[in-house]
Amino acid sequence: MTIEVLRTLPNPPPSQEAFGALYATIQQFYAHQMQLFDDHDAERWAGTFTEDAVFCRAHARPAGARPCLARGERAPQQGPAGAQR
């Protein structure tokens, strides 16, 4: 996974309580995003990304922008030994 740092932490750094609250918010976001993915709700899943997002899967061409992300997720994916996801 690649993460682009958009800003640095303030000086002084946030309190442990503020950091813990931010961490919990991020975990809740990822849980929601993965639930959409698991439910094959392609449009809502793609909507969790920025407009100019690029999503790269192993052994596949990168998909860019929300409509492409959703279209790529709606298409049947071949898994190991030809199994469909």
C-alpha atoms as a PDB file:
ATOM      1  CA  MET A   1       0.000   0.000   0.000  1.00  0.00           C
ATOM      2  CA  THR A   2       1.241   3.491  -0.810  1.00  0.00           C
ATOM      3  CA  ILE A   3       0.203   6.442   1.296  1.00  0.00           C
ATOM      4  CA  GLU A   4       0.827  10.046   0.303  1.00  0.00           C
ATOM      5  CA  VAL A   5       1.490  12.359   3.237  1.00  0.00           C
ATOM      6  CA  LEU A   6      -0.605  15.469   2.759  1.00  0.00           C
ATOM      7  CA  ARG A   7       0.489  17.264   5.899  1.00  0.00           C
ATOM      8  CA  THR A   8       2.722  16.809   8.896  1.00  0.00           C
ATOM      9  CA  LEU A   9       1.665  16.498  12.510  1.00  0.00           C
ATOM     10  CA  PRO A  10       1.240  19.778  14.363  1.00  0.00           C
ATOM     11  CA  ASN A  11       3.918  20.843  16.782  1.00  0.00           C
ATOM     12  CA  PRO A  12       3.331  19.866  19.544  1.00  0.00           C
ATOM     13  CA  PRO A  13       1.816  16.540  18.471  1.00  0.00           C
ATOM     14  CA  PRO A  14      -1.828  15.807  19.357  1.00  0.00           C
ATOM     15  CA  SER A  15      -2.665  14.362  22.741  1.00  0.00           C
ATOM     16  CA  GLN A  16      -3.039  10.616  23.157  1.00  0.00           C
ATOM     17  CA  GLU A  17      -6.798  11.087  23.440  1.00  0.00           C
ATOM     18  CA  ALA A  18      -6.968  13.057  20.167  1.00  0.00           C
ATOM     19  CA  PHE A  19      -4.750  10.518  18.416  1.00  0.00           C
ATOM     20  CA  GLY A  20      -6.864   7.643  19.757  1.00  0.00           C
ATOM     21  CA  ALA A  21     -10.056   9.296  18.520  1.00  0.00           C
ATOM     22  CA  LEU A  22      -8.540   9.857  15.072  1.00  0.00           C
ATOM     23  CA  TYR A  23      -7.290   6.261  14.941  1.00  0.00           C
ATOM     24  CA  ALA A  24     -10.755   4.939  15.863  1.00  0.00           C
ATOM     25  CA  THR A  25     -12.357   7.115  13.158  1.00  0.00           C
ATOM     26  CA  ILE A  26      -9.950   5.782  10.545  1.00  0.00           C
ATOM     27  CA  GLN A  27     -10.594   2.177  11.602  1.00  0.00           C
ATOM     28  CA  GLN A  28     -14.358   2.746  11.349  1.00  0.00           C
ATOM     29  CA  PHE A  29     -13.910   4.202   7.861  1.00  0.00           C
ATOM     30  CA  TYR A  30     -11.907   1.169   6.698  1.00  0.00           C
ATOM     31  CA  ALA A  31     -14.464  -1.204   8.225  1.00  0.00           C
ATOM     32  CA  HIS A  32     -17.245   0.597   6.317  1.00  0.00           C
ATOM     33  CA  GLN A  33     -15.215   0.625   3.085  1.00  0.00           C
ATOM     34  CA  MET A  34     -14.424  -3.085   3.304  1.00  0.00           C
ATOM     35  CA  GLN A  35     -18.052  -3.942   4.086  1.00  0.00           C
ATOM     36  CA  LEU A  36     -19.064  -2.192   0.856  1.00  0.00           C
ATOM     37  CA  PHE A  37     -16.363  -4.143  -0.985  1.00  0.00           C
ATOM     38  CA  ASP A  38     -17.478  -7.449   0.559  1.00  0.00           C
ATOM     39  CA  ASP A  39     -21.106  -6.647  -0.365  1.00  0.00           C
ATOM     40  CA  HIS A  40     -20.057  -5.977  -3.998  1.00  0.00           C
ATOM     41  CA  ASP A  41     -21.578  -2.472  -3.760  1.00  0.00           C
ATOM     42  CA  ALA A  42     -19.222  -1.124  -6.420  1.00  0.00           C
ATOM     43  CA  GLU A  43     -20.574   2.418  -6.757  1.00  0.00           C
ATOM     44  CA  ARG A  44     -20.662   3.123  -3.020  1.00  0.00           C
ATOM     45  CA  TRP A  45     -17.241   1.483  -2.556  1.00  0.00           C
ATOM     46  CA  ALA A  46     -15.756   3.614  -5.352  1.00  0.00           C
ATOM     47  CA  GLY A  47     -17.361   6.665  -3.734  1.00  0.00           C
ATOM     48  CA  THR A  48     -15.069   6.245  -0.717  1.00  0.00           C
ATOM     49  CA  PHE A  49     -12.100   7.247  -2.905  1.00  0.00           C
ATOM     50  CA  THR A  50     -11.161  10.706  -4.160  1.00  0.00           C
ATOM     51  CA  GLU A  51     -12.252  11.727  -7.668  1.00  0.00           C
ATOM     52  CA  ASP A  52      -8.723  11.189  -9.034  1.00  0.00           C
ATOM     53  CA  ALA A  53      -8.016   7.914  -7.184  1.00  0.00           C
ATOM     54  CA  VAL A  54      -5.982   5.145  -8.776  1.00  0.00           C
ATOM     55  CA  PHE A  55      -6.492   1.613  -7.463  1.00  0.00           C
ATOM     56  CA  CYS A  56      -3.851  -1.016  -8.287  1.00  0.00           C
ATOM     57  CA  ARG A  57      -4.411  -4.736  -7.927  1.00  0.00           C
ATOM     58  CA  ALA A  58      -1.664  -7.301  -8.123  1.00  0.00           C
ATOM     59  CA  HIS A  59      -1.232  -8.592 -11.688  1.00  0.00           C
ATOM     60  CA  ALA A  60      -3.755  -6.126 -13.142  1.00  0.00           C
ATOM     61  CA  ARG A  61      -3.675  -2.751 -14.837  1.00  0.00           C
ATOM     62  CA  PRO A  62      -4.353   0.211 -12.516  1.00  0.00           C
ATOM     63  CA  ALA A  63      -7.905   1.549 -12.521  1.00  0.00           C
ATOM     64  CA  GLY A  64      -8.234   5.310 -12.244  1.00  0.00           C
ATOM     65  CA  ALA A  65     -11.077   7.602 -11.188  1.00  0.00           C
ATOM     66  CA  ARG A  66     -14.283   6.559  -9.452  1.00  0.00           C
ATOM     67  CA  PRO A  67     -16.254   5.335 -12.497  1.00  0.00           C
ATOM     68  CA  CYS A  68     -13.369   3.064 -13.518  1.00  0.00           C
ATOM     69  CA  LEU A  69     -13.019   1.751  -9.971  1.00  0.00           C
ATOM     70  CA  ALA A  70     -16.711   0.870  -9.835  1.00  0.00           C
ATOM     71  CA  ARG A  71     -16.703  -0.645 -13.345  1.00  0.00           C
ATOM     72  CA  GLY A  72     -13.651  -2.749 -12.485  1.00  0.00           C
ATOM     73  CA  GLU A  73     -15.250  -3.975  -9.276  1.00  0.00           C
ATOM     74  CA  ARG A  74     -18.554  -4.847 -10.990  1.00  0.00           C
ATOM     75  CA  ALA A  75     -16.767  -6.998 -13.583  1.00  0.00           C
ATOM     76  CA  PRO A  76     -16.389 -10.665 -12.579  1.00  0.00           C
ATOM     77  CA  GLN A  77     -12.900 -11.301 -11.266  1.00  0.00           C
ATOM     78  CA  GLN A  78     -11.076 -14.537 -11.933  1.00  0.00           C
ATOM     79  CA  GLY A  79      -9.447 -15.991  -8.847  1.00  0.00           C
ATOM     80  CA  PRO A  80      -7.076 -18.901  -8.423  1.00  0.00           C
ATOM     81  CA  ALA A  81      -7.798 -21.921 -10.618  1.00  0.00           C
ATOM     82  CA  GLY A  82     -10.426 -19.979 -12.573  1.00  0.00           C
ATOM     83  CA  ALA A  83     -12.795 -19.532  -9.612  1.00  0.00           C
ATOM     84  CA  GLN A  84     -14.984 -16.462  -9.903  1.00  0.00           C
ATOM     85  CA  ARG A  85     -15.169 -14.018  -7.035  1.00  0.00           C
END
